[in-house]
Amino acid sequence: MADLNAAVTDTHPLVFYAAGGGRLSPRARAVFEAADAQRTIIYVPAAVIWEVGMLARIVRINLHRPVRAFFADLFSNPAFQPHPIDADQVFDADELRFTRDPFDALITAAARDLKLPLITRDATIRASGALTTVW
């Protein structure tokens, strides 16, 4: 699976990666390691950036630095690329009926927009059939 040219990350795999990768599956870890070595690209949807910020604000996660600095560090590796939200993604997210979680819907819509697999362990997303997943 590390042979992927590119993938999109959900919020929890990115947080697991930032914490040392111990909670990632072997397949997900391989994709993140390939990005570390700049052999693949991982797109980070704007919804992931927003959700990480919210989780840090309510102290569910500790980034050990401000959110902006965390992402500046991450994006200093060109293998990690932010992916903006656009109106088509919002419409796609609205039409996805497998989840009521707006972040899951927007993240899924971003991966569909890019036509790339989503790195996620989220059982609801994986079972939806809405896209290819990696875990």
N, C-alpha and C. Protein backbone atom coordinates (compact mmCIF):
# COMPACT_ATOMS: atom_id res chain seq x y z
N MET A 1 0.82 -1.19 0.00
CA MET A 1 0.00 0.00 0.00
C MET A 1 0.87 1.26 0.00
N ALA A 2 2.10 1.17 0.40
CA ALA A 2 2.98 2.34 0.39
C ALA A 2 3.30 2.78 -1.03
N ASP A 3 2.86 1.99 -2.04
CA ASP A 3 3.11 2.34 -3.44
C ASP A 3 2.15 3.40 -3.94
N LEU A 4 1.21 3.84 -3.13
CA LEU A 4 0.27 4.86 -3.55
C LEU A 4 1.01 6.12 -3.97
N ASN A 5 0.57 6.72 -5.06
CA ASN A 5 1.14 8.01 -5.46
C ASN A 5 0.63 9.12 -4.55
N ALA A 6 -0.61 8.95 -4.05
CA ALA A 6 -1.21 9.97 -3.20
C ALA A 6 -2.39 9.38 -2.46
N ALA A 7 -2.73 10.01 -1.35
CA ALA A 7 -3.89 9.64 -0.55
C ALA A 7 -4.35 10.88 0.20
N VAL A 8 -5.49 10.76 0.84
CA VAL A 8 -6.06 11.82 1.66
C VAL A 8 -6.12 11.28 3.08
N THR A 9 -5.86 12.12 4.07
CA THR A 9 -5.93 11.65 5.44
C THR A 9 -7.18 12.16 6.16
N ASP A 10 -7.74 11.29 6.97
CA ASP A 10 -8.78 11.65 7.92
C ASP A 10 -8.07 12.27 9.12
N THR A 11 -8.82 12.80 10.05
CA THR A 11 -8.24 13.49 11.20
C THR A 11 -7.47 12.56 12.12
N HIS A 12 -8.07 11.45 12.52
CA HIS A 12 -7.42 10.59 13.51
C HIS A 12 -6.11 9.98 13.01
N PRO A 13 -5.97 9.56 11.75
CA PRO A 13 -4.66 9.06 11.34
C PRO A 13 -3.57 10.14 11.40
N LEU A 14 -3.94 11.37 11.07
CA LEU A 14 -2.95 12.45 11.14
C LEU A 14 -2.53 12.69 12.59
N VAL A 15 -3.47 12.65 13.50
CA VAL A 15 -3.16 12.83 14.92
C VAL A 15 -2.30 11.66 15.41
N PHE A 16 -2.65 10.44 15.00
CA PHE A 16 -1.85 9.27 15.39
C PHE A 16 -0.43 9.38 14.84
N TYR A 17 -0.31 9.81 13.59
CA TYR A 17 1.01 10.01 12.98
C TYR A 17 1.82 11.05 13.77
N ALA A 18 1.19 12.14 14.11
CA ALA A 18 1.88 13.21 14.85
C ALA A 18 2.33 12.74 16.23
N ALA A 19 1.62 11.76 16.79
CA ALA A 19 1.95 11.23 18.11
C ALA A 19 2.96 10.09 18.03
N GLY A 20 3.52 9.86 16.87
CA GLY A 20 4.54 8.82 16.73
C GLY A 20 4.11 7.62 15.91
N GLY A 21 2.85 7.55 15.53
CA GLY A 21 2.39 6.50 14.63
C GLY A 21 2.01 5.19 15.27
N GLY A 22 2.10 5.09 16.58
CA GLY A 22 1.84 3.82 17.25
C GLY A 22 0.44 3.28 17.09
N ARG A 23 -0.54 4.14 16.86
CA ARG A 23 -1.93 3.68 16.75
C ARG A 23 -2.36 3.48 15.30
N LEU A 24 -1.46 3.71 14.36
CA LEU A 24 -1.77 3.50 12.95
C LEU A 24 -1.70 2.02 12.60
N SER A 25 -2.52 1.60 11.65
CA SER A 25 -2.40 0.24 11.15
C SER A 25 -1.10 0.16 10.35
N PRO A 26 -0.59 -1.05 10.11
CA PRO A 26 0.63 -1.17 9.30
C PRO A 26 0.49 -0.54 7.92
N ARG A 27 -0.66 -0.71 7.27
CA ARG A 27 -0.86 -0.12 5.94
C ARG A 27 -0.87 1.40 6.00
N ALA A 28 -1.57 1.97 6.98
CA ALA A 28 -1.62 3.43 7.11
C ALA A 28 -0.24 3.97 7.47
N ARG A 29 0.45 3.29 8.37
CA ARG A 29 1.80 3.72 8.76
C ARG A 29 2.73 3.74 7.55
N ALA A 30 2.60 2.74 6.68
CA ALA A 30 3.45 2.68 5.48
C ALA A 30 3.22 3.88 4.57
N VAL A 31 1.97 4.33 4.45
CA VAL A 31 1.69 5.50 3.61
C VAL A 31 2.30 6.75 4.23
N PHE A 32 2.15 6.91 5.55
CA PHE A 32 2.75 8.08 6.21
C PHE A 32 4.27 8.04 6.13
N GLU A 33 4.86 6.86 6.27
CA GLU A 33 6.32 6.75 6.15
C GLU A 33 6.78 7.09 4.74
N ALA A 34 6.00 6.68 3.74
CA ALA A 34 6.33 7.03 2.36
C ALA A 34 6.26 8.54 2.15
N ALA A 35 5.30 9.19 2.79
CA ALA A 35 5.22 10.65 2.70
C ALA A 35 6.40 11.30 3.41
N ASP A 36 6.77 10.77 4.56
CA ASP A 36 7.95 11.29 5.27
C ASP A 36 9.17 11.26 4.36
N ALA A 37 9.28 10.20 3.56
CA ALA A 37 10.42 10.03 2.64
C ALA A 37 10.16 10.70 1.29
N GLN A 38 9.04 11.41 1.17
CA GLN A 38 8.65 12.13 -0.05
C GLN A 38 8.48 11.19 -1.25
N ARG A 39 7.97 9.98 -0.98
CA ARG A 39 7.68 9.03 -2.06
C ARG A 39 6.19 9.00 -2.41
N THR A 40 5.38 9.69 -1.63
CA THR A 40 3.94 9.80 -1.89
C THR A 40 3.46 11.13 -1.34
N ILE A 41 2.29 11.54 -1.75
CA ILE A 41 1.69 12.79 -1.26
C ILE A 41 0.49 12.43 -0.42
N ILE A 42 0.37 13.10 0.71
CA ILE A 42 -0.83 12.98 1.54
C ILE A 42 -1.49 14.36 1.56
N TYR A 43 -2.73 14.39 1.07
CA TYR A 43 -3.51 15.63 1.10
C TYR A 43 -4.24 15.72 2.44
N VAL A 44 -4.24 16.93 3.00
CA VAL A 44 -4.89 17.20 4.28
C VAL A 44 -6.06 18.14 4.00
N PRO A 45 -7.28 17.61 4.03
CA PRO A 45 -8.44 18.47 3.77
C PRO A 45 -8.54 19.60 4.80
N ALA A 46 -9.06 20.73 4.34
CA ALA A 46 -9.26 21.86 5.26
C ALA A 46 -10.12 21.46 6.44
N ALA A 47 -11.06 20.54 6.24
CA ALA A 47 -11.90 20.08 7.35
C ALA A 47 -11.07 19.37 8.41
N VAL A 48 -10.00 18.68 8.02
CA VAL A 48 -9.10 18.04 8.99
C VAL A 48 -8.37 19.12 9.80
N ILE A 49 -7.89 20.15 9.11
CA ILE A 49 -7.20 21.25 9.81
C ILE A 49 -8.14 21.87 10.84
N TRP A 50 -9.37 22.12 10.44
CA TRP A 50 -10.35 22.72 11.33
C TRP A 50 -10.65 21.79 12.51
N GLU A 51 -10.84 20.49 12.24
CA GLU A 51 -11.16 19.55 13.31
C GLU A 51 -9.99 19.41 14.29
N VAL A 52 -8.77 19.38 13.78
CA VAL A 52 -7.60 19.32 14.67
C VAL A 52 -7.58 20.55 15.57
N GLY A 53 -7.85 21.71 15.00
CA GLY A 53 -7.90 22.93 15.81
C GLY A 53 -8.95 22.85 16.90
N MET A 54 -10.12 22.34 16.55
CA MET A 54 -11.19 22.21 17.56
C MET A 54 -10.80 21.22 18.65
N LEU A 55 -10.20 20.09 18.26
CA LEU A 55 -9.79 19.09 19.25
C LEU A 55 -8.70 19.64 20.17
N ALA A 56 -7.80 20.43 19.62
CA ALA A 56 -6.75 21.04 20.45
C ALA A 56 -7.36 22.07 21.40
N ARG A 57 -8.33 22.83 20.92
CA ARG A 57 -8.95 23.88 21.74
C ARG A 57 -9.68 23.28 22.94
N ILE A 58 -10.33 22.14 22.75
CA ILE A 58 -11.06 21.53 23.87
C ILE A 58 -10.18 20.52 24.62
N VAL A 59 -8.92 20.52 24.32
CA VAL A 59 -7.89 19.72 24.99
C VAL A 59 -8.14 18.22 24.87
N ARG A 60 -8.67 17.79 23.73
CA ARG A 60 -8.79 16.36 23.45
C ARG A 60 -7.47 15.82 22.90
N ILE A 61 -6.68 16.73 22.30
CA ILE A 61 -5.34 16.38 21.82
C ILE A 61 -4.39 17.50 22.23
N ASN A 62 -3.10 17.17 22.31
CA ASN A 62 -2.08 18.15 22.66
C ASN A 62 -1.03 18.14 21.55
N LEU A 63 -0.98 19.22 20.81
CA LEU A 63 -0.03 19.33 19.69
C LEU A 63 1.33 19.84 20.15
N HIS A 64 1.43 20.29 21.38
CA HIS A 64 2.66 20.83 21.96
C HIS A 64 3.11 22.12 21.29
N ARG A 65 2.21 22.75 20.57
CA ARG A 65 2.46 24.05 19.93
C ARG A 65 1.13 24.53 19.35
N PRO A 66 1.06 25.78 18.96
CA PRO A 66 -0.19 26.27 18.36
C PRO A 66 -0.52 25.50 17.08
N VAL A 67 -1.80 25.43 16.78
CA VAL A 67 -2.28 24.70 15.59
C VAL A 67 -1.60 25.21 14.33
N ARG A 68 -1.50 26.52 14.19
CA ARG A 68 -0.87 27.09 13.00
C ARG A 68 0.58 26.60 12.87
N ALA A 69 1.31 26.55 13.98
CA ALA A 69 2.71 26.09 13.96
C ALA A 69 2.77 24.59 13.64
N PHE A 70 1.84 23.82 14.19
CA PHE A 70 1.80 22.39 13.90
C PHE A 70 1.68 22.15 12.39
N PHE A 71 0.73 22.86 11.76
CA PHE A 71 0.53 22.65 10.33
C PHE A 71 1.64 23.28 9.49
N ALA A 72 2.25 24.35 9.96
CA ALA A 72 3.41 24.91 9.25
C ALA A 72 4.54 23.89 9.23
N ASP A 73 4.75 23.21 10.36
CA ASP A 73 5.77 22.15 10.41
C ASP A 73 5.41 21.01 9.46
N LEU A 74 4.15 20.57 9.51
CA LEU A 74 3.71 19.46 8.66
C LEU A 74 3.88 19.82 7.18
N PHE A 75 3.43 21.00 6.81
CA PHE A 75 3.45 21.40 5.40
C PHE A 75 4.84 21.85 4.93
N SER A 76 5.80 21.88 5.85
CA SER A 76 7.18 22.16 5.41
C SER A 76 7.73 20.97 4.61
N ASN A 77 7.12 19.80 4.78
CA ASN A 77 7.43 18.64 3.94
C ASN A 77 6.46 18.71 2.76
N PRO A 78 6.98 18.90 1.54
CA PRO A 78 6.08 19.05 0.38
C PRO A 78 5.22 17.83 0.10
N ALA A 79 5.47 16.72 0.75
CA ALA A 79 4.64 15.52 0.57
C ALA A 79 3.30 15.65 1.30
N PHE A 80 3.18 16.63 2.17
CA PHE A 80 1.92 16.91 2.86
C PHE A 80 1.36 18.20 2.28
N GLN A 81 0.18 18.12 1.71
CA GLN A 81 -0.42 19.26 1.02
C GLN A 81 -1.81 19.56 1.55
N PRO A 82 -2.08 20.84 1.87
CA PRO A 82 -3.45 21.18 2.26
C PRO A 82 -4.38 21.11 1.05
N HIS A 83 -5.62 20.76 1.30
CA HIS A 83 -6.62 20.71 0.23
C HIS A 83 -7.81 21.56 0.67
N PRO A 84 -8.09 22.65 -0.05
CA PRO A 84 -9.16 23.57 0.37
C PRO A 84 -10.55 22.98 0.14
N ILE A 85 -11.50 23.52 0.87
CA ILE A 85 -12.91 23.17 0.69
C ILE A 85 -13.46 24.10 -0.39
N ASP A 86 -14.23 23.53 -1.31
CA ASP A 86 -14.91 24.37 -2.28
C ASP A 86 -16.41 24.02 -2.28
N ALA A 87 -17.17 24.78 -3.02
CA ALA A 87 -18.62 24.59 -3.02
C ALA A 87 -19.03 23.19 -3.49
N ASP A 88 -18.35 22.65 -4.49
CA ASP A 88 -18.70 21.30 -4.96
C ASP A 88 -18.52 20.26 -3.87
N GLN A 89 -17.48 20.41 -3.07
CA GLN A 89 -17.28 19.47 -1.96
C GLN A 89 -18.40 19.59 -0.94
N VAL A 90 -18.82 20.81 -0.67
CA VAL A 90 -19.92 21.02 0.28
C VAL A 90 -21.19 20.37 -0.24
N PHE A 91 -21.48 20.53 -1.53
CA PHE A 91 -22.66 19.88 -2.12
C PHE A 91 -22.53 18.36 -2.04
N ASP A 92 -21.34 17.82 -2.36
CA ASP A 92 -21.10 16.38 -2.29
C ASP A 92 -21.29 15.90 -0.85
N ALA A 93 -20.71 16.62 0.10
CA ALA A 93 -20.84 16.24 1.52
C ALA A 93 -22.30 16.22 1.94
N ASP A 94 -23.06 17.20 1.47
CA ASP A 94 -24.49 17.27 1.81
C ASP A 94 -25.26 16.08 1.27
N GLU A 95 -24.82 15.56 0.13
CA GLU A 95 -25.52 14.44 -0.51
C GLU A 95 -25.11 13.08 0.06
N LEU A 96 -24.04 13.03 0.85
CA LEU A 96 -23.62 11.77 1.46
C LEU A 96 -24.53 11.47 2.65
N ARG A 97 -25.24 10.41 2.59
CA ARG A 97 -26.25 10.11 3.62
C ARG A 97 -25.78 9.06 4.63
N PHE A 98 -24.56 8.58 4.52
CA PHE A 98 -24.12 7.53 5.44
C PHE A 98 -23.69 8.08 6.80
N THR A 99 -23.51 9.39 6.92
CA THR A 99 -23.06 9.97 8.17
C THR A 99 -23.77 11.29 8.45
N ARG A 100 -23.91 11.60 9.72
CA ARG A 100 -24.43 12.91 10.12
C ARG A 100 -23.31 13.80 10.62
N ASP A 101 -22.08 13.27 10.65
CA ASP A 101 -20.93 14.03 11.12
C ASP A 101 -20.44 14.93 9.98
N PRO A 102 -20.52 16.25 10.15
CA PRO A 102 -20.14 17.13 9.04
C PRO A 102 -18.66 17.02 8.67
N PHE A 103 -17.79 16.75 9.64
CA PHE A 103 -16.37 16.59 9.33
C PHE A 103 -16.15 15.34 8.48
N ASP A 104 -16.76 14.22 8.87
CA ASP A 104 -16.63 12.99 8.08
C ASP A 104 -17.14 13.20 6.67
N ALA A 105 -18.25 13.90 6.53
CA ALA A 105 -18.81 14.14 5.20
C ALA A 105 -17.88 15.02 4.37
N LEU A 106 -17.35 16.09 4.94
CA LEU A 106 -16.45 16.98 4.19
C LEU A 106 -15.13 16.30 3.85
N ILE A 107 -14.60 15.49 4.76
CA ILE A 107 -13.34 14.78 4.51
C ILE A 107 -13.55 13.74 3.41
N THR A 108 -14.67 13.02 3.47
CA THR A 108 -14.99 12.06 2.42
C THR A 108 -15.16 12.77 1.08
N ALA A 109 -15.83 13.91 1.09
CA ALA A 109 -16.03 14.67 -0.15
C ALA A 109 -14.69 15.15 -0.71
N ALA A 110 -13.76 15.53 0.15
CA ALA A 110 -12.44 15.96 -0.33
C ALA A 110 -11.72 14.81 -1.03
N ALA A 111 -11.76 13.62 -0.44
CA ALA A 111 -11.10 12.47 -1.07
C ALA A 111 -11.77 12.12 -2.39
N ARG A 112 -13.09 12.22 -2.42
CA ARG A 112 -13.79 11.97 -3.68
C ARG A 112 -13.44 13.02 -4.72
N ASP A 113 -13.31 14.27 -4.29
CA ASP A 113 -12.94 15.36 -5.19
C ASP A 113 -11.58 15.08 -5.84
N LEU A 114 -10.65 14.60 -5.03
CA LEU A 114 -9.31 14.30 -5.52
C LEU A 114 -9.22 12.94 -6.21
N LYS A 115 -10.28 12.13 -6.06
CA LYS A 115 -10.31 10.77 -6.62
C LYS A 115 -9.16 9.93 -6.07
N LEU A 116 -8.98 10.03 -4.74
CA LEU A 116 -7.91 9.32 -4.05
C LEU A 116 -8.47 8.53 -2.88
N PRO A 117 -7.76 7.50 -2.43
CA PRO A 117 -8.19 6.76 -1.25
C PRO A 117 -8.05 7.62 0.01
N LEU A 118 -8.89 7.32 0.98
CA LEU A 118 -8.88 8.01 2.27
C LEU A 118 -8.26 7.12 3.32
N ILE A 119 -7.26 7.63 4.02
CA ILE A 119 -6.66 6.91 5.15
C ILE A 119 -7.58 7.12 6.34
N THR A 120 -8.25 6.05 6.77
CA THR A 120 -9.19 6.16 7.89
C THR A 120 -9.46 4.79 8.49
N ARG A 121 -9.68 4.78 9.79
CA ARG A 121 -10.15 3.55 10.43
C ARG A 121 -11.64 3.64 10.74
N ASP A 122 -12.26 4.76 10.41
CA ASP A 122 -13.66 5.00 10.70
C ASP A 122 -14.51 3.93 10.01
N ALA A 123 -15.16 3.11 10.82
CA ALA A 123 -15.93 1.98 10.29
C ALA A 123 -17.11 2.43 9.44
N THR A 124 -17.72 3.54 9.79
CA THR A 124 -18.87 4.03 9.03
C THR A 124 -18.45 4.47 7.64
N ILE A 125 -17.34 5.21 7.56
CA ILE A 125 -16.83 5.63 6.26
C ILE A 125 -16.42 4.42 5.43
N ARG A 126 -15.70 3.51 6.06
CA ARG A 126 -15.20 2.34 5.33
C ARG A 126 -16.34 1.47 4.80
N ALA A 127 -17.41 1.35 5.59
CA ALA A 127 -18.54 0.51 5.18
C ALA A 127 -19.47 1.21 4.18
N SER A 128 -19.32 2.51 4.02
CA SER A 128 -20.24 3.27 3.18
C SER A 128 -20.14 2.93 1.71
N GLY A 129 -18.97 2.49 1.27
CA GLY A 129 -18.76 2.26 -0.16
C GLY A 129 -18.64 3.53 -0.97
N ALA A 130 -18.55 4.66 -0.30
CA ALA A 130 -18.50 5.96 -0.98
C ALA A 130 -17.14 6.21 -1.65
N LEU A 131 -16.11 5.48 -1.20
CA LEU A 131 -14.77 5.68 -1.74
C LEU A 131 -13.87 4.54 -1.29
N THR A 132 -12.66 4.51 -1.83
CA THR A 132 -11.67 3.54 -1.42
C THR A 132 -11.00 4.04 -0.15
N THR A 133 -10.76 3.13 0.79
CA THR A 133 -10.10 3.52 2.04
C THR A 133 -8.84 2.69 2.25
N VAL A 134 -7.99 3.23 3.09
CA VAL A 134 -6.76 2.55 3.50
C VAL A 134 -6.77 2.49 5.02
N TRP A 135 -6.61 1.30 5.55
CA TRP A 135 -6.37 1.15 6.99
C TRP A 135 -5.71 -0.16 7.21
